[in-house]
């Protein structure tokens, strides 16, 4: 294995974090979107569940 090269010490870095003011989320839009996703998922899985029940 090759010997490691020693590196010179880097100066200390300082990070500054600033908050960003944003408008609160539109809960009505979010709830409609979530409901649409859930209903689409139910509709996609529903026919396969119905066919297996009718076959029994």
N, C-alpha and C. Protein backbone atom coordinates (compact mmCIF):
# COMPACT_ATOMS: atom_id res chain seq x y z
N UNK A 1 0.84 -1.19 0.00
CA UNK A 1 0.00 0.00 0.00
C UNK A 1 0.88 1.25 0.00
N UNK A 2 0.41 2.26 -0.66
CA UNK A 2 1.16 3.50 -0.70
C UNK A 2 0.97 4.26 0.60
N UNK A 3 1.98 4.98 0.98
CA UNK A 3 1.90 5.77 2.21
C UNK A 3 0.94 6.94 1.99
N UNK A 4 0.20 7.25 3.03
CA UNK A 4 -0.73 8.37 2.91
C UNK A 4 0.03 9.70 2.97
N UNK A 5 -0.44 10.61 2.17
CA UNK A 5 0.16 11.94 2.19
C UNK A 5 -0.52 12.76 3.29
N UNK A 6 0.26 13.50 4.00
CA UNK A 6 -0.33 14.35 5.04
C UNK A 6 -0.85 15.62 4.38
N UNK A 7 -2.03 15.99 4.77
CA UNK A 7 -2.63 17.19 4.20
C UNK A 7 -2.48 18.34 5.19
N UNK A 8 -2.41 19.52 4.64
CA UNK A 8 -2.36 20.69 5.51
C UNK A 8 -3.75 20.92 6.08
N UNK A 9 -3.80 21.43 7.28
CA UNK A 9 -5.07 21.68 7.96
C UNK A 9 -5.85 22.77 7.22
N UNK A 10 -7.10 22.52 7.00
CA UNK A 10 -7.94 23.52 6.34
C UNK A 10 -8.45 24.51 7.38
N UNK A 11 -8.68 25.72 6.97
CA UNK A 11 -9.26 26.67 7.93
C UNK A 11 -10.68 26.24 8.29
N UNK A 12 -11.12 26.59 9.48
CA UNK A 12 -12.45 26.19 9.94
C UNK A 12 -13.52 26.86 9.08
N UNK A 13 -14.51 26.08 8.70
CA UNK A 13 -15.61 26.62 7.89
C UNK A 13 -16.75 27.02 8.79
N UNK A 14 -17.42 28.07 8.45
CA UNK A 14 -18.58 28.51 9.21
C UNK A 14 -19.79 28.53 8.29
N UNK A 15 -20.86 27.94 8.78
CA UNK A 15 -22.09 27.86 8.00
C UNK A 15 -23.15 28.73 8.67
N UNK A 16 -23.89 29.43 7.86
CA UNK A 16 -24.98 30.25 8.36
C UNK A 16 -26.27 29.74 7.74
N UNK A 17 -27.28 29.60 8.58
CA UNK A 17 -28.57 29.12 8.12
C UNK A 17 -29.59 30.22 8.37
N UNK A 18 -30.30 30.57 7.33
CA UNK A 18 -31.33 31.59 7.46
C UNK A 18 -32.68 30.98 7.16
N UNK A 19 -33.65 31.30 7.96
CA UNK A 19 -35.00 30.80 7.73
C UNK A 19 -35.67 31.55 6.60
N UNK A 20 -36.56 30.85 5.90
CA UNK A 20 -37.30 31.46 4.79
C UNK A 20 -38.77 31.44 5.16
N UNK A 21 -39.41 32.60 5.11
CA UNK A 21 -40.84 32.69 5.41
C UNK A 21 -41.63 32.23 4.20
N UNK A 22 -42.50 31.27 4.41
CA UNK A 22 -43.36 30.79 3.33
C UNK A 22 -44.80 30.82 3.78
N UNK A 23 -45.67 30.84 2.80
CA UNK A 23 -47.09 30.79 3.12
C UNK A 23 -47.45 29.39 3.61
N UNK A 24 -48.41 29.27 4.51
CA UNK A 24 -48.81 27.93 4.95
C UNK A 24 -49.41 27.15 3.78
N UNK A 25 -49.29 25.83 3.78
CA UNK A 25 -49.82 25.03 2.67
C UNK A 25 -51.34 25.13 2.60
N UNK A 26 -51.86 25.00 1.40
CA UNK A 26 -53.31 25.03 1.18
C UNK A 26 -53.85 23.65 1.54
N UNK A 27 -54.42 23.53 2.73
CA UNK A 27 -54.88 22.22 3.20
C UNK A 27 -56.03 21.68 2.37
N UNK A 28 -56.85 22.53 1.82
CA UNK A 28 -57.96 22.05 0.99
C UNK A 28 -57.43 21.36 -0.27
N UNK A 29 -56.43 21.98 -0.93
CA UNK A 29 -55.83 21.37 -2.12
C UNK A 29 -55.13 20.06 -1.77
N UNK A 30 -54.39 20.07 -0.65
CA UNK A 30 -53.68 18.86 -0.25
C UNK A 30 -54.65 17.72 0.06
N UNK A 31 -55.75 18.04 0.74
CA UNK A 31 -56.70 16.98 1.09
C UNK A 31 -57.39 16.43 -0.16
N UNK A 32 -57.68 17.29 -1.13
CA UNK A 32 -58.29 16.82 -2.38
C UNK A 32 -57.32 15.91 -3.14
N UNK A 33 -56.05 16.31 -3.17
CA UNK A 33 -55.06 15.50 -3.88
C UNK A 33 -54.87 14.15 -3.20
N UNK A 34 -54.82 14.15 -1.87
CA UNK A 34 -54.67 12.90 -1.13
C UNK A 34 -55.88 11.99 -1.35
N UNK A 35 -57.05 12.57 -1.32
CA UNK A 35 -58.28 11.79 -1.55
C UNK A 35 -58.28 11.19 -2.96
N UNK A 36 -57.84 11.96 -3.94
CA UNK A 36 -57.80 11.45 -5.31
C UNK A 36 -56.82 10.28 -5.42
N UNK A 37 -55.69 10.38 -4.75
CA UNK A 37 -54.70 9.29 -4.78
C UNK A 37 -55.27 8.04 -4.14
N UNK A 38 -55.91 8.20 -2.98
CA UNK A 38 -56.47 7.05 -2.27
C UNK A 38 -57.58 6.39 -3.08
N UNK A 39 -58.45 7.20 -3.67
CA UNK A 39 -59.55 6.64 -4.48
C UNK A 39 -59.02 5.92 -5.71
N UNK A 40 -57.99 6.49 -6.34
CA UNK A 40 -57.40 5.84 -7.52
C UNK A 40 -56.75 4.51 -7.12
N UNK A 41 -56.11 4.49 -5.97
CA UNK A 41 -55.48 3.26 -5.50
C UNK A 41 -56.53 2.21 -5.18
N UNK A 42 -57.63 2.64 -4.56
CA UNK A 42 -58.73 1.71 -4.26
C UNK A 42 -59.35 1.17 -5.54
N UNK A 43 -59.56 2.02 -6.51
CA UNK A 43 -60.17 1.59 -7.77
C UNK A 43 -59.27 0.61 -8.50
N UNK A 44 -57.96 0.83 -8.39
CA UNK A 44 -57.02 -0.06 -9.07
C UNK A 44 -57.00 -1.44 -8.40
N UNK A 45 -57.07 -1.47 -7.07
CA UNK A 45 -57.00 -2.75 -6.37
C UNK A 45 -58.38 -3.39 -6.20
N UNK A 46 -59.43 -2.62 -6.35
CA UNK A 46 -60.78 -3.12 -6.12
C UNK A 46 -61.22 -4.19 -7.12
N UNK A 47 -61.03 -4.03 -8.43
CA UNK A 47 -61.50 -5.06 -9.37
C UNK A 47 -60.83 -6.41 -9.14
N UNK A 48 -59.58 -6.43 -8.79
CA UNK A 48 -58.91 -7.70 -8.55
C UNK A 48 -59.48 -8.37 -7.31
N UNK A 49 -59.86 -7.60 -6.30
CA UNK A 49 -60.45 -8.17 -5.08
C UNK A 49 -61.87 -8.68 -5.39
N UNK A 50 -62.63 -7.94 -6.22
CA UNK A 50 -64.00 -8.36 -6.56
C UNK A 50 -64.00 -9.66 -7.36
N UNK A 51 -63.08 -9.83 -8.29
CA UNK A 51 -63.06 -11.02 -9.12
C UNK A 51 -62.68 -12.25 -8.29
N UNK A 52 -61.81 -12.07 -7.31
CA UNK A 52 -61.41 -13.21 -6.50
C UNK A 52 -62.56 -13.62 -5.58
N UNK A 53 -63.36 -12.66 -5.10
CA UNK A 53 -64.50 -12.97 -4.24
C UNK A 53 -65.61 -13.66 -5.02
N UNK A 54 -65.85 -13.22 -6.27
CA UNK A 54 -66.93 -13.82 -7.05
C UNK A 54 -66.58 -15.23 -7.51
N UNK A 55 -65.30 -15.52 -7.61
CA UNK A 55 -64.87 -16.84 -8.07
C UNK A 55 -65.05 -17.89 -6.97
N UNK A 56 -65.12 -17.45 -5.71
CA UNK A 56 -65.24 -18.41 -4.61
C UNK A 56 -66.60 -18.87 -4.41
